[in-house]
Amino acid sequence: MNVRDGMTRNVLSVGPAHTLREAARLMSGQRVGAAVVVDPSLPALGILTERDILDSIGAGQDPDHELVADHRTADVVFATPAWTLEQAASAMATGGFRHLVVIDGHDVAGLLSMRDIVRCWVGIPVPVPARA
């Protein structure tokens, strides 16, 4: 199986000026554990995960004043849709993270989480997002 078989295609994007509370609200609303951070002033994408938000709150920081720009991960590991799930799992385990941004050419094609990989390996289909 390949990354394309398990990745989530609807990717949430947030900007660097969003507060952590705003990002958490958006992530919760879409039931995702990570968002791609698009910052036009930087050449590469970043990622904000639920862990980043938890670390900030756990440190006593105010999520209404903390900005995504100060908590995102900038050194993102990218996968392609053609990677095997084994390659993706190995990259995540080696790097100590749980989400991969999937890039097809120059475009974000999806996100892959450890949960997505496990779902594929046990034969549970990728959930289709509910329409509003």
C-alpha atoms as a PDB file:
ATOM      1  CA  MET A   1       0.000   0.000   0.000  1.00  0.00           C
ATOM      2  CA  ASN A   2       1.068   3.530  -0.713  1.00  0.00           C
ATOM      3  CA  VAL A   3       0.683   6.871   1.015  1.00  0.00           C
ATOM      4  CA  ARG A   4      -2.010   7.849  -1.527  1.00  0.00           C
ATOM      5  CA  ASP A   5      -4.126   4.947  -0.233  1.00  0.00           C
ATOM      6  CA  GLY A   6      -4.220   6.241   3.330  1.00  0.00           C
ATOM      7  CA  MET A   7      -3.700   9.979   3.264  1.00  0.00           C
ATOM      8  CA  THR A   8      -6.380  12.479   4.147  1.00  0.00           C
ATOM      9  CA  ARG A   9      -7.007  14.620   1.087  1.00  0.00           C
ATOM     10  CA  ASN A  10      -8.860  17.459   2.828  1.00  0.00           C
ATOM     11  CA  VAL A  11      -6.043  19.393   4.439  1.00  0.00           C
ATOM     12  CA  LEU A  12      -6.618  22.196   6.899  1.00  0.00           C
ATOM     13  CA  SER A  13      -4.384  25.233   6.374  1.00  0.00           C
ATOM     14  CA  VAL A  14      -3.763  27.947   8.928  1.00  0.00           C
ATOM     15  CA  GLY A  15      -1.728  31.112   8.767  1.00  0.00           C
ATOM     16  CA  PRO A  16       1.128  32.205  11.007  1.00  0.00           C
ATOM     17  CA  ALA A  17      -0.981  34.985  12.560  1.00  0.00           C
ATOM     18  CA  HIS A  18      -3.718  32.650  13.795  1.00  0.00           C
ATOM     19  CA  THR A  19      -3.738  32.259  17.550  1.00  0.00           C
ATOM     20  CA  LEU A  20      -3.333  28.780  18.958  1.00  0.00           C
ATOM     21  CA  ARG A  21      -6.953  28.901  20.134  1.00  0.00           C
ATOM     22  CA  GLU A  22      -8.147  29.743  16.610  1.00  0.00           C
ATOM     23  CA  ALA A  23      -6.038  26.926  15.166  1.00  0.00           C
ATOM     24  CA  ALA A  24      -7.295  24.493  17.828  1.00  0.00           C
ATOM     25  CA  ARG A  25     -10.912  25.468  17.085  1.00  0.00           C
ATOM     26  CA  LEU A  26     -10.399  24.876  13.352  1.00  0.00           C
ATOM     27  CA  MET A  27      -8.581  21.572  13.944  1.00  0.00           C
ATOM     28  CA  SER A  28     -11.280  20.393  16.331  1.00  0.00           C
ATOM     29  CA  GLY A  29     -14.034  21.424  13.932  1.00  0.00           C
ATOM     30  CA  GLN A  30     -12.488  19.356  11.151  1.00  0.00           C
ATOM     31  CA  ARG A  31     -11.472  16.566  13.551  1.00  0.00           C
ATOM     32  CA  VAL A  32      -7.811  16.634  12.501  1.00  0.00           C
ATOM     33  CA  GLY A  33      -4.658  16.466  14.574  1.00  0.00           C
ATOM     34  CA  ALA A  34      -2.530  18.687  12.353  1.00  0.00           C
ATOM     35  CA  ALA A  35      -2.749  21.684  10.051  1.00  0.00           C
ATOM     36  CA  VAL A  36      -0.420  22.882   7.324  1.00  0.00           C
ATOM     37  CA  VAL A  37       0.955  26.344   8.075  1.00  0.00           C
ATOM     38  CA  VAL A  38       1.150  28.555   5.019  1.00  0.00           C
ATOM     39  CA  ASP A  39       3.319  31.615   5.524  1.00  0.00           C
ATOM     40  CA  PRO A  40       3.811  33.702   2.363  1.00  0.00           C
ATOM     41  CA  SER A  41       6.953  35.238   3.860  1.00  0.00           C
ATOM     42  CA  LEU A  42       8.675  31.827   4.102  1.00  0.00           C
ATOM     43  CA  PRO A  43       9.747  29.568   1.243  1.00  0.00           C
ATOM     44  CA  ALA A  44       8.500  26.322   2.810  1.00  0.00           C
ATOM     45  CA  LEU A  45       5.370  25.049   4.510  1.00  0.00           C
ATOM     46  CA  GLY A  46       5.179  24.365   8.218  1.00  0.00           C
ATOM     47  CA  ILE A  47       2.962  22.118  10.303  1.00  0.00           C
ATOM     48  CA  LEU A  48       1.097  22.686  13.551  1.00  0.00           C
ATOM     49  CA  THR A  49       0.043  19.625  15.503  1.00  0.00           C
ATOM     50  CA  GLU A  50      -2.086  18.995  18.537  1.00  0.00           C
ATOM     51  CA  ARG A  51       1.167  18.283  20.395  1.00  0.00           C
ATOM     52  CA  ASP A  52       2.428  21.805  19.630  1.00  0.00           C
ATOM     53  CA  ILE A  53      -0.738  23.267  21.120  1.00  0.00           C
ATOM     54  CA  LEU A  54      -0.586  20.983  24.189  1.00  0.00           C
ATOM     55  CA  ASP A  55       3.074  21.862  24.798  1.00  0.00           C
ATOM     56  CA  SER A  56       2.238  25.570  24.763  1.00  0.00           C
ATOM     57  CA  ILE A  57      -0.722  25.243  27.124  1.00  0.00           C
ATOM     58  CA  GLY A  58       1.247  22.882  29.355  1.00  0.00           C
ATOM     59  CA  ALA A  59       3.944  25.549  29.625  1.00  0.00           C
ATOM     60  CA  GLY A  60       1.332  28.001  30.931  1.00  0.00           C
ATOM     61  CA  GLN A  61       1.097  30.067  27.753  1.00  0.00           C
ATOM     62  CA  ASP A  62      -2.165  31.761  26.793  1.00  0.00           C
ATOM     63  CA  PRO A  63      -3.634  30.211  23.614  1.00  0.00           C
ATOM     64  CA  ASP A  64      -5.476  33.477  22.929  1.00  0.00           C
ATOM     65  CA  HIS A  65      -2.167  35.319  22.593  1.00  0.00           C
ATOM     66  CA  GLU A  66       0.259  32.686  21.322  1.00  0.00           C
ATOM     67  CA  LEU A  67       0.633  32.671  17.534  1.00  0.00           C
ATOM     68  CA  VAL A  68       0.932  29.687  15.227  1.00  0.00           C
ATOM     69  CA  ALA A  69       4.136  31.208  13.800  1.00  0.00           C
ATOM     70  CA  ASP A  70       5.870  30.713  17.151  1.00  0.00           C
ATOM     71  CA  HIS A  71       4.816  27.077  17.610  1.00  0.00           C
ATOM     72  CA  ARG A  72       4.791  25.498  14.158  1.00  0.00           C
ATOM     73  CA  THR A  73       7.383  23.010  13.038  1.00  0.00           C
ATOM     74  CA  ALA A  74       9.377  24.478  10.181  1.00  0.00           C
ATOM     75  CA  ASP A  75      11.649  21.538   9.354  1.00  0.00           C
ATOM     76  CA  VAL A  76       8.858  19.423   7.894  1.00  0.00           C
ATOM     77  CA  VAL A  77       9.485  16.004   6.373  1.00  0.00           C
ATOM     78  CA  PHE A  78       7.482  15.620   3.196  1.00  0.00           C
ATOM     79  CA  ALA A  79       6.248  12.406   1.576  1.00  0.00           C
ATOM     80  CA  THR A  80       5.003  11.745  -1.919  1.00  0.00           C
ATOM     81  CA  PRO A  81       1.818   9.820  -2.727  1.00  0.00           C
ATOM     82  CA  ALA A  82       3.984   7.043  -4.198  1.00  0.00           C
ATOM     83  CA  TRP A  83       5.849   6.310  -0.945  1.00  0.00           C
ATOM     84  CA  THR A  84       4.952   2.999   0.617  1.00  0.00           C
ATOM     85  CA  LEU A  85       3.260   3.069   3.994  1.00  0.00           C
ATOM     86  CA  GLU A  86       6.356   1.307   5.319  1.00  0.00           C
ATOM     87  CA  GLN A  87       8.543   4.200   4.119  1.00  0.00           C
ATOM     88  CA  ALA A  88       6.177   6.692   5.747  1.00  0.00           C
ATOM     89  CA  ALA A  89       6.047   4.759   9.027  1.00  0.00           C
ATOM     90  CA  SER A  90       9.840   4.483   9.063  1.00  0.00           C
ATOM     91  CA  ALA A  91      10.257   8.235   8.478  1.00  0.00           C
ATOM     92  CA  MET A  92       7.790   8.989  11.302  1.00  0.00           C
ATOM     93  CA  ALA A  93       9.380   6.545  13.739  1.00  0.00           C
ATOM     94  CA  THR A  94      12.911   7.711  12.935  1.00  0.00           C
ATOM     95  CA  GLY A  95      11.966  11.399  13.148  1.00  0.00           C
ATOM     96  CA  GLY A  96       9.767  11.049  16.234  1.00  0.00           C
ATOM     97  CA  PHE A  97       6.647  12.613  14.717  1.00  0.00           C
ATOM     98  CA  ARG A  98       3.153  11.399  13.813  1.00  0.00           C
ATOM     99  CA  HIS A  99       2.151  13.410  10.733  1.00  0.00           C
ATOM    100  CA  LEU A 100       3.569  13.729   7.223  1.00  0.00           C
ATOM    101  CA  VAL A 101       2.661  16.409   4.715  1.00  0.00           C
ATOM    102  CA  VAL A 102       2.155  14.751   1.337  1.00  0.00           C
ATOM    103  CA  ILE A 103       3.404  16.752  -1.642  1.00  0.00           C
ATOM    104  CA  ASP A 104       2.635  16.009  -5.282  1.00  0.00           C
ATOM    105  CA  GLY A 105       4.854  18.218  -7.415  1.00  0.00           C
ATOM    106  CA  HIS A 106       4.587  21.642  -5.778  1.00  0.00           C
ATOM    107  CA  ASP A 107       1.126  21.100  -4.299  1.00  0.00           C
ATOM    108  CA  VAL A 108      -0.059  19.730  -0.973  1.00  0.00           C
ATOM    109  CA  ALA A 109      -1.876  16.508  -1.840  1.00  0.00           C
ATOM    110  CA  GLY A 110      -2.766  15.429   1.681  1.00  0.00           C
ATOM    111  CA  LEU A 111      -1.699  14.590   5.210  1.00  0.00           C
ATOM    112  CA  LEU A 112      -0.810  11.162   6.535  1.00  0.00           C
ATOM    113  CA  SER A 113      -0.911  10.304  10.232  1.00  0.00           C
ATOM    114  CA  MET A 114       0.172   7.222  12.140  1.00  0.00           C
ATOM    115  CA  ARG A 115      -3.546   6.578  12.665  1.00  0.00           C
ATOM    116  CA  ASP A 116      -4.063   6.586   8.878  1.00  0.00           C
ATOM    117  CA  ILE A 117      -1.300   4.003   8.455  1.00  0.00           C
ATOM    118  CA  VAL A 118      -2.764   1.731  11.123  1.00  0.00           C
ATOM    119  CA  ARG A 119      -6.217   2.099   9.533  1.00  0.00           C
ATOM    120  CA  CYS A 120      -4.821   0.902   6.207  1.00  0.00           C
ATOM    121  CA  TRP A 121      -2.922  -1.992   7.738  1.00  0.00           C
ATOM    122  CA  VAL A 122      -6.028  -3.311   9.519  1.00  0.00           C
ATOM    123  CA  GLY A 123      -8.320  -2.695   6.543  1.00  0.00           C
ATOM    124  CA  ILE A 124     -10.454   0.161   7.807  1.00  0.00           C
ATOM    125  CA  PRO A 125     -11.312   2.616   4.986  1.00  0.00           C
ATOM    126  CA  VAL A 126     -10.306   6.269   5.164  1.00  0.00           C
ATOM    127  CA  PRO A 127     -13.336   8.201   6.477  1.00  0.00           C
ATOM    128  CA  VAL A 128     -15.032  10.549   4.062  1.00  0.00           C
ATOM    129  CA  PRO A 129     -15.625  13.979   5.614  1.00  0.00           C
ATOM    130  CA  ALA A 130     -19.256  14.852   6.284  1.00  0.00           C
ATOM    131  CA  ARG A 131     -20.720  17.560   4.106  1.00  0.00           C
ATOM    132  CA  ALA A 132     -22.206  20.594   5.759  1.00  0.00           C
END
